[in-house]
Amino acid sequence: MTFQCSNSDFHVRSVQDNEIFAVRRQALCSSEVFRDMFTCCGESEEVLDLHESADSLAALLNLLHRPPQPPTQLKRDEFNHIPKVWNDPKTVIPLPLLPKLFELADKYALPSDSVVEVLGEHLLAHAPEETLAVYVFALSQGLHHIASKAVQYLQPMANYNLDEVKMIPIEAYHRVVQLQDTRVKAMRKYLLSEDIFPHGYGSCASHSRETIQLWNSKRMSLAVRIETLTDVAGEMEIAAYQEPVQSCAVCRKACVAAVEMLRYKCRKIPRTLDELNS
């Protein structure tokens, strides 16, 4: 990692690599640790020695001089069974860099609102693709609000091997299992109670029996396969493209209504640990 400062008035040196960086003293003062150093040393020092590698020091100076901005969202879908956010990948800090940045932010007491919280947004941006890594790291850092949101992307815990799950503290593991169990039970309940012609309403005079059989067959087959990430409404929507529903306006309207009701109900099921606790 590199660092450049065009209007410097001070210098810091990496003792490990004997590399000197030109910096702005005012930028350093956003760190509580540097403020204390300057208070103790006064204004006479021209170079401040730090026992950091040049790469670590460059990363720290970038955080101080150019605090990270939140990832740029390209698209957000709140209506999906698990909310999806598409970020511009060029604006997201790579996951392998984040642990070191969090370490430096904590070590040098960087501002939580302008640095730590934004780093948390970058960490959460990786949750859909690197769920377990993000969840475990968030737990280790005490970032419970990040961990709470990351769990919604976790696969069923039985899908992970022992080496993966043993990184999760037992209490946290138990809470994830509780959340996933709650989701599966609620989705199954909503699915099995959602009729395509509730109380005969909207029933089709021509295809009622065949459509009900199709709907019941689909939902009974799905009910035994539901997992925490199952898109119940999306799975049942397939019935709309099968006969007799596909060719009958009345049956199709009923199917669409039932699917949308399922989608609405399933979105209300807790997805995060904070929602489970509320």
C-alpha atoms as a PDB file:
ATOM      1  CA  MET A   1       0.000   0.000   0.000  1.00  0.00           C
ATOM      2  CA  THR A   2       1.270   3.476  -0.857  1.00  0.00           C
ATOM      3  CA  PHE A   3       0.704   6.893   0.711  1.00  0.00           C
ATOM      4  CA  GLN A   4       1.258  10.395  -0.663  1.00  0.00           C
ATOM      5  CA  CYS A   5       0.688  13.783   0.959  1.00  0.00           C
ATOM      6  CA  SER A   6       1.132  16.941  -1.089  1.00  0.00           C
ATOM      7  CA  ASN A   7       0.866  19.594   1.654  1.00  0.00           C
ATOM      8  CA  SER A   8       2.835  17.986   4.466  1.00  0.00           C
ATOM      9  CA  ASP A   9       4.179  19.735   7.566  1.00  0.00           C
ATOM     10  CA  PHE A  10       5.466  16.779   9.568  1.00  0.00           C
ATOM     11  CA  HIS A  11       7.113  13.361   9.180  1.00  0.00           C
ATOM     12  CA  VAL A  12       6.619   9.901  10.611  1.00  0.00           C
ATOM     13  CA  ARG A  13       9.038   7.014  10.250  1.00  0.00           C
ATOM     14  CA  SER A  14       8.520   3.286  10.093  1.00  0.00           C
ATOM     15  CA  VAL A  15      11.152   1.976  12.500  1.00  0.00           C
ATOM     16  CA  GLN A  16      10.879  -1.546  11.090  1.00  0.00           C
ATOM     17  CA  ASP A  17      11.595  -0.523   7.492  1.00  0.00           C
ATOM     18  CA  ASN A  18      13.304   2.841   8.123  1.00  0.00           C
ATOM     19  CA  GLU A  19      10.933   4.540   5.703  1.00  0.00           C
ATOM     20  CA  ILE A  20       9.844   8.140   6.248  1.00  0.00           C
ATOM     21  CA  PHE A  21       6.429   9.518   5.256  1.00  0.00           C
ATOM     22  CA  ALA A  22       5.567  13.175   4.826  1.00  0.00           C
ATOM     23  CA  VAL A  23       2.238  13.860   6.573  1.00  0.00           C
ATOM     24  CA  ARG A  24      -0.075  16.584   7.867  1.00  0.00           C
ATOM     25  CA  ARG A  25       0.038  16.995  11.619  1.00  0.00           C
ATOM     26  CA  GLN A  26      -3.626  18.055  11.698  1.00  0.00           C
ATOM     27  CA  ALA A  27      -4.675  14.843   9.994  1.00  0.00           C
ATOM     28  CA  LEU A  28      -2.830  12.803  12.609  1.00  0.00           C
ATOM     29  CA  CYS A  29      -4.660  14.659  15.345  1.00  0.00           C
ATOM     30  CA  SER A  30      -7.929  12.922  14.465  1.00  0.00           C
ATOM     31  CA  SER A  31      -6.351   9.978  16.307  1.00  0.00           C
ATOM     32  CA  GLU A  32      -6.551  10.141  20.074  1.00  0.00           C
ATOM     33  CA  VAL A  33      -3.228   8.318  20.336  1.00  0.00           C
ATOM     34  CA  PHE A  34      -1.416  10.864  18.149  1.00  0.00           C
ATOM     35  CA  ARG A  35      -2.967  13.755  20.052  1.00  0.00           C
ATOM     36  CA  ASP A  36      -1.576  12.312  23.267  1.00  0.00           C
ATOM     37  CA  MET A  37       1.843  11.850  21.630  1.00  0.00           C
ATOM     38  CA  PHE A  38       1.936  15.473  20.524  1.00  0.00           C
ATOM     39  CA  THR A  39       0.859  16.626  23.962  1.00  0.00           C
ATOM     40  CA  CYS A  40       3.738  14.729  25.542  1.00  0.00           C
ATOM     41  CA  CYS A  41       6.383  15.569  22.942  1.00  0.00           C
ATOM     42  CA  GLY A  42       5.403  19.139  22.165  1.00  0.00           C
ATOM     43  CA  GLU A  43       5.955  20.874  18.829  1.00  0.00           C
ATOM     44  CA  SER A  44       9.725  20.508  18.618  1.00  0.00           C
ATOM     45  CA  GLU A  45       9.849  17.003  17.172  1.00  0.00           C
ATOM     46  CA  GLU A  46      10.235  16.893  13.394  1.00  0.00           C
ATOM     47  CA  VAL A  47      10.003  13.120  12.929  1.00  0.00           C
ATOM     48  CA  LEU A  48       7.837  10.719  14.898  1.00  0.00           C
ATOM     49  CA  ASP A  49       9.092   7.131  15.047  1.00  0.00           C
ATOM     50  CA  LEU A  50       6.461   4.387  14.990  1.00  0.00           C
ATOM     51  CA  HIS A  51       7.050   0.674  15.416  1.00  0.00           C
ATOM     52  CA  GLU A  52       4.987  -0.311  12.397  1.00  0.00           C
ATOM     53  CA  SER A  53       5.921  -1.785   9.057  1.00  0.00           C
ATOM     54  CA  ALA A  54       5.929   0.609   6.130  1.00  0.00           C
ATOM     55  CA  ASP A  55       2.820  -1.074   4.686  1.00  0.00           C
ATOM     56  CA  SER A  56       0.926  -0.809   7.972  1.00  0.00           C
ATOM     57  CA  LEU A  57       1.973   2.780   8.437  1.00  0.00           C
ATOM     58  CA  ALA A  58       0.887   3.672   4.898  1.00  0.00           C
ATOM     59  CA  ALA A  59      -2.498   2.069   5.573  1.00  0.00           C
ATOM     60  CA  LEU A  60      -2.858   4.025   8.808  1.00  0.00           C
ATOM     61  CA  LEU A  61      -1.901   7.311   7.173  1.00  0.00           C
ATOM     62  CA  ASN A  62      -4.407   6.760   4.400  1.00  0.00           C
ATOM     63  CA  LEU A  63      -7.136   6.208   7.012  1.00  0.00           C
ATOM     64  CA  LEU A  64      -6.153   9.442   8.743  1.00  0.00           C
ATOM     65  CA  HIS A  65      -5.675  11.631   5.691  1.00  0.00           C
ATOM     66  CA  ARG A  66      -8.393  10.171   3.480  1.00  0.00           C
ATOM     67  CA  PRO A  67     -11.021   8.471   5.658  1.00  0.00           C
ATOM     68  CA  PRO A  68     -12.842   5.792   3.652  1.00  0.00           C
ATOM     69  CA  GLN A  69     -16.209   6.531   2.088  1.00  0.00           C
ATOM     70  CA  PRO A  70     -19.083   4.029   2.202  1.00  0.00           C
ATOM     71  CA  PRO A  71     -19.410   1.646  -0.748  1.00  0.00           C
ATOM     72  CA  THR A  72     -21.374   3.061  -3.674  1.00  0.00           C
ATOM     73  CA  GLN A  73     -24.686   1.251  -4.029  1.00  0.00           C
ATOM     74  CA  LEU A  74     -25.692   0.554  -7.607  1.00  0.00           C
ATOM     75  CA  LYS A  75     -28.972  -1.171  -6.786  1.00  0.00           C
ATOM     76  CA  ARG A  76     -30.989  -2.284  -3.766  1.00  0.00           C
ATOM     77  CA  ASP A  77     -33.814  -4.822  -3.680  1.00  0.00           C
ATOM     78  CA  GLU A  78     -35.757  -4.778  -0.406  1.00  0.00           C
ATOM     79  CA  PHE A  79     -38.508  -6.973  -1.821  1.00  0.00           C
ATOM     80  CA  ASN A  80     -36.378 -10.088  -2.197  1.00  0.00           C
ATOM     81  CA  HIS A  81     -36.808 -12.755   0.487  1.00  0.00           C
ATOM     82  CA  ILE A  82     -33.271 -11.828   1.572  1.00  0.00           C
ATOM     83  CA  PRO A  83     -32.547  -8.147   0.751  1.00  0.00           C
ATOM     84  CA  LYS A  84     -29.948  -7.727  -1.960  1.00  0.00           C
ATOM     85  CA  VAL A  85     -27.559  -4.840  -2.420  1.00  0.00           C
ATOM     86  CA  TRP A  86     -25.344  -4.417  -5.451  1.00  0.00           C
ATOM     87  CA  ASN A  87     -22.268  -2.264  -4.765  1.00  0.00           C
ATOM     88  CA  ASP A  88     -19.768  -0.870  -7.216  1.00  0.00           C
ATOM     89  CA  PRO A  89     -16.868  -3.311  -6.614  1.00  0.00           C
ATOM     90  CA  LYS A  90     -14.356  -0.543  -7.294  1.00  0.00           C
ATOM     91  CA  THR A  91     -15.636   1.294  -4.210  1.00  0.00           C
ATOM     92  CA  VAL A  92     -15.513  -1.675  -1.800  1.00  0.00           C
ATOM     93  CA  ILE A  93     -12.356  -2.257   0.254  1.00  0.00           C
ATOM     94  CA  PRO A  94     -11.155  -5.838  -0.409  1.00  0.00           C
ATOM     95  CA  LEU A  95     -11.969  -8.208   2.435  1.00  0.00           C
ATOM     96  CA  PRO A  96      -8.345  -9.327   3.056  1.00  0.00           C
ATOM     97  CA  LEU A  97      -7.392  -5.696   3.853  1.00  0.00           C
ATOM     98  CA  LEU A  98     -10.148  -5.038   6.361  1.00  0.00           C
ATOM     99  CA  PRO A  99      -8.798  -6.952   9.401  1.00  0.00           C
ATOM    100  CA  LYS A 100      -5.593  -4.895   9.357  1.00  0.00           C
ATOM    101  CA  LEU A 101      -7.532  -1.646   8.932  1.00  0.00           C
ATOM    102  CA  PHE A 102      -9.787  -2.479  11.872  1.00  0.00           C
ATOM    103  CA  GLU A 103      -6.700  -3.349  13.930  1.00  0.00           C
ATOM    104  CA  LEU A 104      -5.060  -0.016  13.135  1.00  0.00           C
ATOM    105  CA  ALA A 105      -8.266   1.917  13.766  1.00  0.00           C
ATOM    106  CA  ASP A 106      -8.550   0.319  17.201  1.00  0.00           C
ATOM    107  CA  LYS A 107      -4.858   0.609  18.074  1.00  0.00           C
ATOM    108  CA  TYR A 108      -4.706   4.311  17.242  1.00  0.00           C
ATOM    109  CA  ALA A 109      -8.221   5.157  18.485  1.00  0.00           C
ATOM    110  CA  LEU A 110      -9.502   6.501  15.175  1.00  0.00           C
ATOM    111  CA  PRO A 111     -12.934   8.188  15.155  1.00  0.00           C
ATOM    112  CA  SER A 112     -15.728   5.620  15.235  1.00  0.00           C
ATOM    113  CA  ASP A 113     -18.167   7.667  13.154  1.00  0.00           C
ATOM    114  CA  SER A 114     -15.858   8.621  10.279  1.00  0.00           C
ATOM    115  CA  VAL A 115     -13.663   5.527  10.118  1.00  0.00           C
ATOM    116  CA  VAL A 116     -14.806   2.489  12.109  1.00  0.00           C
ATOM    117  CA  GLU A 117     -18.465   2.663  11.104  1.00  0.00           C
ATOM    118  CA  VAL A 118     -17.552   3.072   7.439  1.00  0.00           C
ATOM    119  CA  LEU A 119     -15.157   0.129   7.655  1.00  0.00           C
ATOM    120  CA  GLY A 120     -18.120  -1.808   9.030  1.00  0.00           C
ATOM    121  CA  GLU A 121     -20.129  -0.941   5.925  1.00  0.00           C
ATOM    122  CA  HIS A 122     -17.327  -2.274   3.742  1.00  0.00           C
ATOM    123  CA  LEU A 123     -17.208  -5.443   5.827  1.00  0.00           C
ATOM    124  CA  LEU A 124     -20.963  -5.946   5.507  1.00  0.00           C
ATOM    125  CA  ALA A 125     -20.735  -5.444   1.742  1.00  0.00           C
ATOM    126  CA  HIS A 126     -18.831  -8.752   1.591  1.00  0.00           C
ATOM    127  CA  ALA A 127     -21.409 -10.665   3.651  1.00  0.00           C
ATOM    128  CA  PRO A 128     -23.487 -12.080   0.748  1.00  0.00           C
ATOM    129  CA  GLU A 129     -20.440 -13.749  -0.822  1.00  0.00           C
ATOM    130  CA  GLU A 130     -18.125 -14.321   2.173  1.00  0.00           C
ATOM    131  CA  THR A 131     -20.770 -14.795   4.841  1.00  0.00           C
ATOM    132  CA  LEU A 132     -19.005 -17.016   7.345  1.00  0.00           C
ATOM    133  CA  ALA A 133     -15.739 -15.066   7.188  1.00  0.00           C
ATOM    134  CA  VAL A 134     -17.566 -11.770   7.724  1.00  0.00           C
ATOM    135  CA  TYR A 135     -19.704 -13.187  10.531  1.00  0.00           C
ATOM    136  CA  VAL A 136     -16.781 -14.720  12.422  1.00  0.00           C
ATOM    137  CA  PHE A 137     -14.627 -11.609  12.055  1.00  0.00           C
ATOM    138  CA  ALA A 138     -17.460  -9.324  13.176  1.00  0.00           C
ATOM    139  CA  LEU A 139     -17.953 -11.466  16.274  1.00  0.00           C
ATOM    140  CA  SER A 140     -14.239 -11.369  17.065  1.00  0.00           C
ATOM    141  CA  GLN A 141     -14.246  -7.573  16.864  1.00  0.00           C
ATOM    142  CA  GLY A 142     -17.387  -7.107  18.924  1.00  0.00           C
ATOM    143  CA  LEU A 143     -19.195  -5.720  15.883  1.00  0.00           C
ATOM    144  CA  HIS A 144     -22.483  -7.291  16.906  1.00  0.00           C
ATOM    145  CA  HIS A 145     -24.618  -5.143  14.603  1.00  0.00           C
ATOM    146  CA  ILE A 146     -22.577  -6.391  11.631  1.00  0.00           C
ATOM    147  CA  ALA A 147     -22.718 -10.002  12.833  1.00  0.00           C
ATOM    148  CA  SER A 148     -26.483  -9.715  13.334  1.00  0.00           C
ATOM    149  CA  LYS A 149     -26.995  -8.640   9.723  1.00  0.00           C
ATOM    150  CA  ALA A 150     -24.469 -11.076   8.263  1.00  0.00           C
ATOM    151  CA  VAL A 151     -26.261 -14.162   9.630  1.00  0.00           C
ATOM    152  CA  GLN A 152     -29.140 -13.714   7.180  1.00  0.00           C
ATOM    153  CA  TYR A 153     -26.808 -14.872   4.401  1.00  0.00           C
ATOM    154  CA  LEU A 154     -25.497 -17.958   6.236  1.00  0.00           C
ATOM    155  CA  GLN A 155     -26.186 -21.362   4.763  1.00  0.00           C
ATOM    156  CA  PRO A 156     -27.877 -23.904   7.036  1.00  0.00           C
ATOM    157  CA  MET A 157     -25.310 -24.603   9.730  1.00  0.00           C
ATOM    158  CA  ALA A 158     -25.253 -28.318   8.854  1.00  0.00           C
ATOM    159  CA  ASN A 159     -23.739 -27.357   5.483  1.00  0.00           C
ATOM    160  CA  TYR A 160     -20.507 -26.149   7.113  1.00  0.00           C
ATOM    161  CA  ASN A 161     -17.715 -28.492   8.155  1.00  0.00           C
ATOM    162  CA  LEU A 162     -16.315 -28.750  11.667  1.00  0.00           C
ATOM    163  CA  ASP A 163     -13.276 -26.585  10.957  1.00  0.00           C
ATOM    164  CA  GLU A 164     -15.581 -23.802   9.802  1.00  0.00           C
ATOM    165  CA  VAL A 165     -18.130 -23.859  12.612  1.00  0.00           C
ATOM    166  CA  LYS A 166     -15.611 -24.299  15.419  1.00  0.00           C
ATOM    167  CA  MET A 167     -14.566 -20.682  14.801  1.00  0.00           C
ATOM    168  CA  ILE A 168     -17.992 -19.595  16.105  1.00  0.00           C
ATOM    169  CA  PRO A 169     -18.401 -19.276  19.903  1.00  0.00           C
ATOM    170  CA  ILE A 170     -20.935 -21.807  21.199  1.00  0.00           C
ATOM    171  CA  GLU A 171     -23.409 -19.147  22.388  1.00  0.00           C
ATOM    172  CA  ALA A 172     -23.332 -17.405  19.009  1.00  0.00           C
ATOM    173  CA  TYR A 173     -23.681 -20.731  17.198  1.00  0.00           C
ATOM    174  CA  HIS A 174     -26.752 -21.540  19.283  1.00  0.00           C
ATOM    175  CA  ARG A 175     -28.356 -18.200  18.414  1.00  0.00           C
ATOM    176  CA  VAL A 176     -27.802 -18.797  14.698  1.00  0.00           C
ATOM    177  CA  VAL A 177     -29.379 -22.244  14.979  1.00  0.00           C
ATOM    178  CA  GLN A 178     -32.345 -20.697  16.802  1.00  0.00           C
ATOM    179  CA  LEU A 179     -32.762 -18.076  14.092  1.00  0.00           C
ATOM    180  CA  GLN A 180     -32.567 -20.604  11.274  1.00  0.00           C
ATOM    181  CA  ASP A 181     -34.993 -22.948  13.042  1.00  0.00           C
ATOM    182  CA  THR A 182     -37.432 -20.074  13.562  1.00  0.00           C
ATOM    183  CA  ARG A 183     -37.246 -19.182   9.890  1.00  0.00           C
ATOM    184  CA  VAL A 184     -37.782 -22.738   8.642  1.00  0.00           C
ATOM    185  CA  LYS A 185     -40.747 -23.351  10.951  1.00  0.00           C
ATOM    186  CA  ALA A 186     -42.389 -20.034  10.036  1.00  0.00           C
ATOM    187  CA  MET A 187     -41.903 -20.525   6.299  1.00  0.00           C
ATOM    188  CA  ARG A 188     -43.332 -24.042   6.477  1.00  0.00           C
ATOM    189  CA  LYS A 189     -46.306 -22.814   8.486  1.00  0.00           C
ATOM    190  CA  TYR A 190     -47.099 -20.025   6.037  1.00  0.00           C
ATOM    191  CA  LEU A 191     -46.662 -22.317   3.048  1.00  0.00           C
ATOM    192  CA  LEU A 192     -48.966 -25.051   4.323  1.00  0.00           C
ATOM    193  CA  SER A 193     -51.652 -22.583   5.364  1.00  0.00           C
ATOM    194  CA  GLU A 194     -51.704 -20.606   2.101  1.00  0.00           C
ATOM    195  CA  ASP A 195     -54.426 -22.013  -0.160  1.00  0.00           C
ATOM    196  CA  ILE A 196     -54.677 -21.010  -3.786  1.00  0.00           C
ATOM    197  CA  PHE A 197     -58.476 -20.536  -3.454  1.00  0.00           C
ATOM    198  CA  PRO A 198     -58.837 -19.548   0.228  1.00  0.00           C
ATOM    199  CA  HIS A 199     -62.324 -20.481   1.435  1.00  0.00           C
ATOM    200  CA  GLY A 200     -63.274 -20.936  -2.209  1.00  0.00           C
ATOM    201  CA  TYR A 201     -62.600 -17.289  -3.026  1.00  0.00           C
ATOM    202  CA  GLY A 202     -61.663 -16.721  -6.675  1.00  0.00           C
ATOM    203  CA  SER A 203     -62.289 -20.372  -7.489  1.00  0.00           C
ATOM    204  CA  CYS A 204     -62.170 -21.358 -11.144  1.00  0.00           C
ATOM    205  CA  ALA A 205     -65.291 -23.142 -12.391  1.00  0.00           C
ATOM    206  CA  SER A 206     -63.360 -25.028 -15.061  1.00  0.00           C
ATOM    207  CA  HIS A 207     -60.067 -26.029 -13.411  1.00  0.00           C
ATOM    208  CA  SER A 208     -60.564 -25.692  -9.669  1.00  0.00           C
ATOM    209  CA  ARG A 209     -59.779 -29.312  -8.793  1.00  0.00           C
ATOM    210  CA  GLU A 210     -56.721 -29.607 -11.079  1.00  0.00           C
ATOM    211  CA  THR A 211     -55.313 -26.265  -9.917  1.00  0.00           C
ATOM    212  CA  ILE A 212     -55.743 -27.151  -6.247  1.00  0.00           C
ATOM    213  CA  GLN A 213     -54.038 -30.499  -6.840  1.00  0.00           C
ATOM    214  CA  LEU A 214     -51.141 -28.782  -8.582  1.00  0.00           C
ATOM    215  CA  TRP A 215     -50.776 -26.203  -5.807  1.00  0.00           C
ATOM    216  CA  ASN A 216     -50.991 -28.797  -3.030  1.00  0.00           C
ATOM    217  CA  SER A 217     -48.512 -31.080  -4.762  1.00  0.00           C
ATOM    218  CA  LYS A 218     -46.018 -28.246  -5.131  1.00  0.00           C
ATOM    219  CA  ARG A 219     -46.292 -27.016  -1.577  1.00  0.00           C
ATOM    220  CA  MET A 220     -46.152 -30.487   0.020  1.00  0.00           C
ATOM    221  CA  SER A 221     -43.035 -31.262  -2.000  1.00  0.00           C
ATOM    222  CA  LEU A 222     -41.469 -27.938  -1.012  1.00  0.00           C
ATOM    223  CA  ALA A 223     -42.452 -28.128   2.663  1.00  0.00           C
ATOM    224  CA  VAL A 224     -40.047 -30.982   3.374  1.00  0.00           C
ATOM    225  CA  ARG A 225     -37.178 -29.202   1.577  1.00  0.00           C
ATOM    226  CA  ILE A 226     -37.390 -25.764   3.188  1.00  0.00           C
ATOM    227  CA  GLU A 227     -34.130 -24.362   4.509  1.00  0.00           C
ATOM    228  CA  THR A 228     -33.292 -20.988   6.008  1.00  0.00           C
ATOM    229  CA  LEU A 229     -32.448 -19.421   2.604  1.00  0.00           C
ATOM    230  CA  THR A 230     -35.306 -21.003   0.661  1.00  0.00           C
ATOM    231  CA  ASP A 231     -37.288 -18.553  -1.443  1.00  0.00           C
ATOM    232  CA  VAL A 232     -40.698 -20.083  -0.729  1.00  0.00           C
ATOM    233  CA  ALA A 233     -42.627 -17.639  -2.908  1.00  0.00           C
ATOM    234  CA  GLY A 234     -40.147 -18.030  -5.744  1.00  0.00           C
ATOM    235  CA  GLU A 235     -40.430 -21.799  -5.604  1.00  0.00           C
ATOM    236  CA  MET A 236     -44.233 -21.730  -5.607  1.00  0.00           C
ATOM    237  CA  GLU A 237     -44.300 -19.205  -8.436  1.00  0.00           C
ATOM    238  CA  ILE A 238     -43.326 -22.045 -10.770  1.00  0.00           C
ATOM    239  CA  ALA A 239     -46.936 -23.252 -10.571  1.00  0.00           C
ATOM    240  CA  ALA A 240     -48.018 -20.185 -12.532  1.00  0.00           C
ATOM    241  CA  TYR A 241     -46.181 -21.544 -15.568  1.00  0.00           C
ATOM    242  CA  GLN A 242     -47.715 -25.001 -15.490  1.00  0.00           C
ATOM    243  CA  GLU A 243     -51.065 -26.203 -16.761  1.00  0.00           C
ATOM    244  CA  PRO A 244     -53.864 -25.532 -16.172  1.00  0.00           C
ATOM    245  CA  VAL A 245     -52.739 -22.353 -14.389  1.00  0.00           C
ATOM    246  CA  GLN A 246     -50.649 -21.016 -17.263  1.00  0.00           C
ATOM    247  CA  SER A 247     -53.515 -20.987 -19.753  1.00  0.00           C
ATOM    248  CA  CYS A 248     -56.331 -19.928 -17.423  1.00  0.00           C
ATOM    249  CA  ALA A 249     -56.627 -16.266 -16.459  1.00  0.00           C
ATOM    250  CA  VAL A 250     -58.693 -17.055 -13.354  1.00  0.00           C
ATOM    251  CA  CYS A 251     -56.305 -19.725 -12.052  1.00  0.00           C
ATOM    252  CA  ARG A 252     -53.272 -17.611 -12.875  1.00  0.00           C
ATOM    253  CA  LYS A 253     -54.686 -14.618 -11.006  1.00  0.00           C
ATOM    254  CA  ALA A 254     -55.318 -16.790  -7.949  1.00  0.00           C
ATOM    255  CA  CYS A 255     -51.823 -18.263  -8.151  1.00  0.00           C
ATOM    256  CA  VAL A 256     -50.167 -14.848  -8.412  1.00  0.00           C
ATOM    257  CA  ALA A 257     -52.182 -13.596  -5.430  1.00  0.00           C
ATOM    258  CA  ALA A 258     -51.227 -16.622  -3.317  1.00  0.00           C
ATOM    259  CA  VAL A 259     -47.560 -16.280  -4.239  1.00  0.00           C
ATOM    260  CA  GLU A 260     -47.519 -12.571  -3.412  1.00  0.00           C
ATOM    261  CA  MET A 261     -49.166 -13.259  -0.053  1.00  0.00           C
ATOM    262  CA  LEU A 262     -46.501 -15.860   0.674  1.00  0.00           C
ATOM    263  CA  ARG A 263     -43.796 -13.392  -0.323  1.00  0.00           C
ATOM    264  CA  TYR A 264     -45.263 -10.749   1.986  1.00  0.00           C
ATOM    265  CA  LYS A 265     -45.521 -13.127   4.948  1.00  0.00           C
ATOM    266  CA  CYS A 266     -42.034 -14.565   4.470  1.00  0.00           C
ATOM    267  CA  ARG A 267     -40.492 -11.089   4.384  1.00  0.00           C
ATOM    268  CA  LYS A 268     -41.869 -10.595   7.899  1.00  0.00           C
ATOM    269  CA  ILE A 269     -39.962 -13.577   9.267  1.00  0.00           C
ATOM    270  CA  PRO A 270     -36.870 -12.563  11.298  1.00  0.00           C
ATOM    271  CA  ARG A 271     -33.714 -12.568   9.173  1.00  0.00           C
ATOM    272  CA  THR A 272     -31.245 -11.055  11.618  1.00  0.00           C
ATOM    273  CA  LEU A 273     -30.396 -11.740  15.244  1.00  0.00           C
ATOM    274  CA  ASP A 274     -31.636  -8.284  16.240  1.00  0.00           C
ATOM    275  CA  GLU A 275     -35.022  -9.040  14.660  1.00  0.00           C
ATOM    276  CA  LEU A 276     -35.155 -12.391  16.469  1.00  0.00           C
ATOM    277  CA  ASN A 277     -34.492 -10.681  19.807  1.00  0.00           C
ATOM    278  CA  SER A 278     -37.003  -7.872  19.290  1.00  0.00           C
END
